[in-house]
Amino acid sequence: MSNEIPLRHDSVTIACPVCHSDFLVSGRKTYCSERCRASAYRARRDNSQSKVPVVGKKQPLKPITVYECDICGERALGEQRCDECQKFMRRVGFGGLCPHCDGAVAYDELTVG
């Protein structure tokens, strides 16, 4: 029997998500080398800094959630019930009040593109 690494056998070898080379599985190892692991960490870190703000696990989410009424189009920050229609509104996303018009704006609407 040969001691060669099989070309594609997931229980024995897996492909590195960074450089796509096959390597032997060892425990929970995901990357073939420290260099690839560090490269993947830097890519995740750089992407997360520029896109979505981090919301803490212990922070209540309702006060920073924007809701919109499907009937009249009214928006509110942290209030799920429409004052005009007395119906529950749908969740738009996390956001805040616009400093110019004082209206509720979702973060995703500001980062289109």
C-alpha atoms as a PDB file:
ATOM      1  CA  MET A   1       0.000   0.000   0.000  1.00  0.00           C
ATOM      2  CA  SER A   2       1.276   3.460  -0.899  1.00  0.00           C
ATOM      3  CA  ASN A   3       1.708   6.347   1.571  1.00  0.00           C
ATOM      4  CA  GLU A   4       0.640   8.939  -0.998  1.00  0.00           C
ATOM      5  CA  ILE A   5      -2.056  11.482  -0.224  1.00  0.00           C
ATOM      6  CA  PRO A   6      -5.260  10.704  -2.142  1.00  0.00           C
ATOM      7  CA  LEU A   7      -6.150  13.362  -4.712  1.00  0.00           C
ATOM      8  CA  ARG A   8      -9.684  14.020  -3.419  1.00  0.00           C
ATOM      9  CA  HIS A   9     -10.937  12.141  -0.417  1.00  0.00           C
ATOM     10  CA  ASP A  10     -12.655  14.510   2.041  1.00  0.00           C
ATOM     11  CA  SER A  11     -12.149  12.284   5.055  1.00  0.00           C
ATOM     12  CA  VAL A  12      -8.383  12.354   4.442  1.00  0.00           C
ATOM     13  CA  THR A  13      -7.665  15.561   2.513  1.00  0.00           C
ATOM     14  CA  ILE A  14      -9.424  18.907   2.093  1.00  0.00           C
ATOM     15  CA  ALA A  15      -8.725  21.978  -0.008  1.00  0.00           C
ATOM     16  CA  CYS A  16      -7.439  25.142   1.631  1.00  0.00           C
ATOM     17  CA  PRO A  17     -10.050  27.927   1.163  1.00  0.00           C
ATOM     18  CA  VAL A  18      -7.280  30.498   0.507  1.00  0.00           C
ATOM     19  CA  CYS A  19      -4.774  28.844  -1.841  1.00  0.00           C
ATOM     20  CA  HIS A  20      -6.959  25.852  -2.902  1.00  0.00           C
ATOM     21  CA  SER A  21      -4.185  23.299  -2.372  1.00  0.00           C
ATOM     22  CA  ASP A  22      -5.065  19.915  -0.853  1.00  0.00           C
ATOM     23  CA  PHE A  23      -3.695  19.078   2.605  1.00  0.00           C
ATOM     24  CA  LEU A  24      -4.072  16.359   5.225  1.00  0.00           C
ATOM     25  CA  VAL A  25      -6.880  16.791   7.735  1.00  0.00           C
ATOM     26  CA  SER A  26      -5.632  17.222  11.285  1.00  0.00           C
ATOM     27  CA  GLY A  27      -8.238  17.905  13.978  1.00  0.00           C
ATOM     28  CA  ARG A  28     -10.282  21.010  13.154  1.00  0.00           C
ATOM     29  CA  LYS A  29      -7.628  22.486  10.896  1.00  0.00           C
ATOM     30  CA  THR A  30      -9.177  24.519   8.067  1.00  0.00           C
ATOM     31  CA  TYR A  31      -6.142  26.098   6.383  1.00  0.00           C
ATOM     32  CA  CYS A  32      -2.994  24.448   5.040  1.00  0.00           C
ATOM     33  CA  SER A  33      -0.586  26.852   6.773  1.00  0.00           C
ATOM     34  CA  GLU A  34      -0.333  29.734   9.237  1.00  0.00           C
ATOM     35  CA  ARG A  35       0.208  32.043   6.261  1.00  0.00           C
ATOM     36  CA  CYS A  36      -3.161  31.102   4.717  1.00  0.00           C
ATOM     37  CA  ARG A  37      -4.918  31.306   8.109  1.00  0.00           C
ATOM     38  CA  ALA A  38      -3.543  34.829   8.688  1.00  0.00           C
ATOM     39  CA  SER A  39      -4.470  35.869   5.150  1.00  0.00           C
ATOM     40  CA  ALA A  40      -8.073  34.694   5.651  1.00  0.00           C
ATOM     41  CA  TYR A  41      -8.268  36.529   8.995  1.00  0.00           C
ATOM     42  CA  ARG A  42      -7.059  39.794   7.438  1.00  0.00           C
ATOM     43  CA  ALA A  43      -9.591  39.471   4.591  1.00  0.00           C
ATOM     44  CA  ARG A  44     -12.465  38.911   7.063  1.00  0.00           C
ATOM     45  CA  ARG A  45     -11.298  41.776   9.269  1.00  0.00           C
ATOM     46  CA  ASP A  46     -10.941  44.235   6.376  1.00  0.00           C
ATOM     47  CA  ASN A  47     -14.351  43.327   4.913  1.00  0.00           C
ATOM     48  CA  SER A  48     -16.171  43.617   8.221  1.00  0.00           C
ATOM     49  CA  GLN A  49     -14.730  47.055   9.041  1.00  0.00           C
ATOM     50  CA  SER A  50     -16.113  48.683   5.923  1.00  0.00           C
ATOM     51  CA  LYS A  51     -19.588  47.189   5.632  1.00  0.00           C
ATOM     52  CA  VAL A  52     -21.873  46.543   8.579  1.00  0.00           C
ATOM     53  CA  PRO A  53     -21.756  48.104  12.029  1.00  0.00           C
ATOM     54  CA  VAL A  54     -21.434  45.626  14.871  1.00  0.00           C
ATOM     55  CA  VAL A  55     -24.382  45.360  17.240  1.00  0.00           C
ATOM     56  CA  GLY A  56     -23.530  43.988  20.676  1.00  0.00           C
ATOM     57  CA  LYS A  57     -25.227  40.797  21.848  1.00  0.00           C
ATOM     58  CA  LYS A  58     -26.458  42.386  25.067  1.00  0.00           C
ATOM     59  CA  GLN A  59     -27.698  45.565  23.389  1.00  0.00           C
ATOM     60  CA  PRO A  60     -31.489  45.620  22.929  1.00  0.00           C
ATOM     61  CA  LEU A  61     -32.236  45.552  19.190  1.00  0.00           C
ATOM     62  CA  LYS A  62     -35.726  47.063  19.146  1.00  0.00           C
ATOM     63  CA  PRO A  63     -34.615  50.686  19.853  1.00  0.00           C
ATOM     64  CA  ILE A  64     -32.272  50.650  16.820  1.00  0.00           C
ATOM     65  CA  THR A  65     -34.670  48.879  14.429  1.00  0.00           C
ATOM     66  CA  VAL A  66     -36.529  50.787  11.704  1.00  0.00           C
ATOM     67  CA  TYR A  67     -40.118  49.692  10.997  1.00  0.00           C
ATOM     68  CA  GLU A  68     -42.360  50.692   8.047  1.00  0.00           C
ATOM     69  CA  CYS A  69     -46.141  50.501   7.697  1.00  0.00           C
ATOM     70  CA  ASP A  70     -47.269  48.635   4.567  1.00  0.00           C
ATOM     71  CA  ILE A  71     -50.568  50.555   4.508  1.00  0.00           C
ATOM     72  CA  CYS A  72     -49.549  54.212   4.820  1.00  0.00           C
ATOM     73  CA  GLY A  73     -45.750  54.061   4.416  1.00  0.00           C
ATOM     74  CA  GLU A  74     -45.065  55.684   7.799  1.00  0.00           C
ATOM     75  CA  ARG A  75     -41.691  54.837   9.350  1.00  0.00           C
ATOM     76  CA  ALA A  76     -40.696  54.643  12.993  1.00  0.00           C
ATOM     77  CA  LEU A  77     -37.573  53.868  14.974  1.00  0.00           C
ATOM     78  CA  GLY A  78     -38.126  51.334  17.734  1.00  0.00           C
ATOM     79  CA  GLU A  79     -41.940  51.356  17.472  1.00  0.00           C
ATOM     80  CA  GLN A  80     -43.640  48.372  15.851  1.00  0.00           C
ATOM     81  CA  ARG A  81     -47.184  49.760  15.793  1.00  0.00           C
ATOM     82  CA  CYS A  82     -48.226  52.493  13.330  1.00  0.00           C
ATOM     83  CA  ASP A  83     -49.735  55.536  15.043  1.00  0.00           C
ATOM     84  CA  GLU A  84     -52.021  56.342  12.081  1.00  0.00           C
ATOM     85  CA  CYS A  85     -53.274  52.880  11.046  1.00  0.00           C
ATOM     86  CA  GLN A  86     -52.963  51.095  14.395  1.00  0.00           C
ATOM     87  CA  LYS A  87     -51.455  48.097  12.533  1.00  0.00           C
ATOM     88  CA  PHE A  88     -48.135  46.361  13.107  1.00  0.00           C
ATOM     89  CA  MET A  89     -45.345  47.492  10.791  1.00  0.00           C
ATOM     90  CA  ARG A  90     -42.742  45.343   9.059  1.00  0.00           C
ATOM     91  CA  ARG A  91     -39.068  45.436   9.966  1.00  0.00           C
ATOM     92  CA  VAL A  92     -36.839  47.302   7.492  1.00  0.00           C
ATOM     93  CA  GLY A  93     -33.522  46.850   9.293  1.00  0.00           C
ATOM     94  CA  PHE A  94     -31.187  48.423  11.814  1.00  0.00           C
ATOM     95  CA  GLY A  95     -30.795  52.175  11.573  1.00  0.00           C
ATOM     96  CA  GLY A  96     -31.415  55.505  13.211  1.00  0.00           C
ATOM     97  CA  LEU A  97     -32.817  58.996  12.718  1.00  0.00           C
ATOM     98  CA  CYS A  98     -31.617  61.126   9.825  1.00  0.00           C
ATOM     99  CA  PRO A  99     -29.832  64.234  11.154  1.00  0.00           C
ATOM    100  CA  HIS A 100     -31.322  66.384   8.354  1.00  0.00           C
ATOM    101  CA  CYS A 101     -34.995  65.386   8.197  1.00  0.00           C
ATOM    102  CA  ASP A 102     -35.344  63.504  11.516  1.00  0.00           C
ATOM    103  CA  GLY A 103     -36.906  60.528   9.663  1.00  0.00           C
ATOM    104  CA  ALA A 104     -36.109  56.877  10.350  1.00  0.00           C
ATOM    105  CA  VAL A 105     -33.484  55.532   7.928  1.00  0.00           C
ATOM    106  CA  ALA A 106     -32.169  51.969   7.722  1.00  0.00           C
ATOM    107  CA  TYR A 107     -28.416  51.449   7.508  1.00  0.00           C
ATOM    108  CA  ASP A 108     -28.770  49.186   4.432  1.00  0.00           C
ATOM    109  CA  GLU A 109     -30.429  52.041   2.501  1.00  0.00           C
ATOM    110  CA  LEU A 110     -27.402  54.266   3.101  1.00  0.00           C
ATOM    111  CA  THR A 111     -24.866  51.714   1.893  1.00  0.00           C
ATOM    112  CA  VAL A 112     -26.378  50.796  -1.474  1.00  0.00           C
ATOM    113  CA  GLY A 113     -23.644  50.238  -4.013  1.00  0.00           C
END
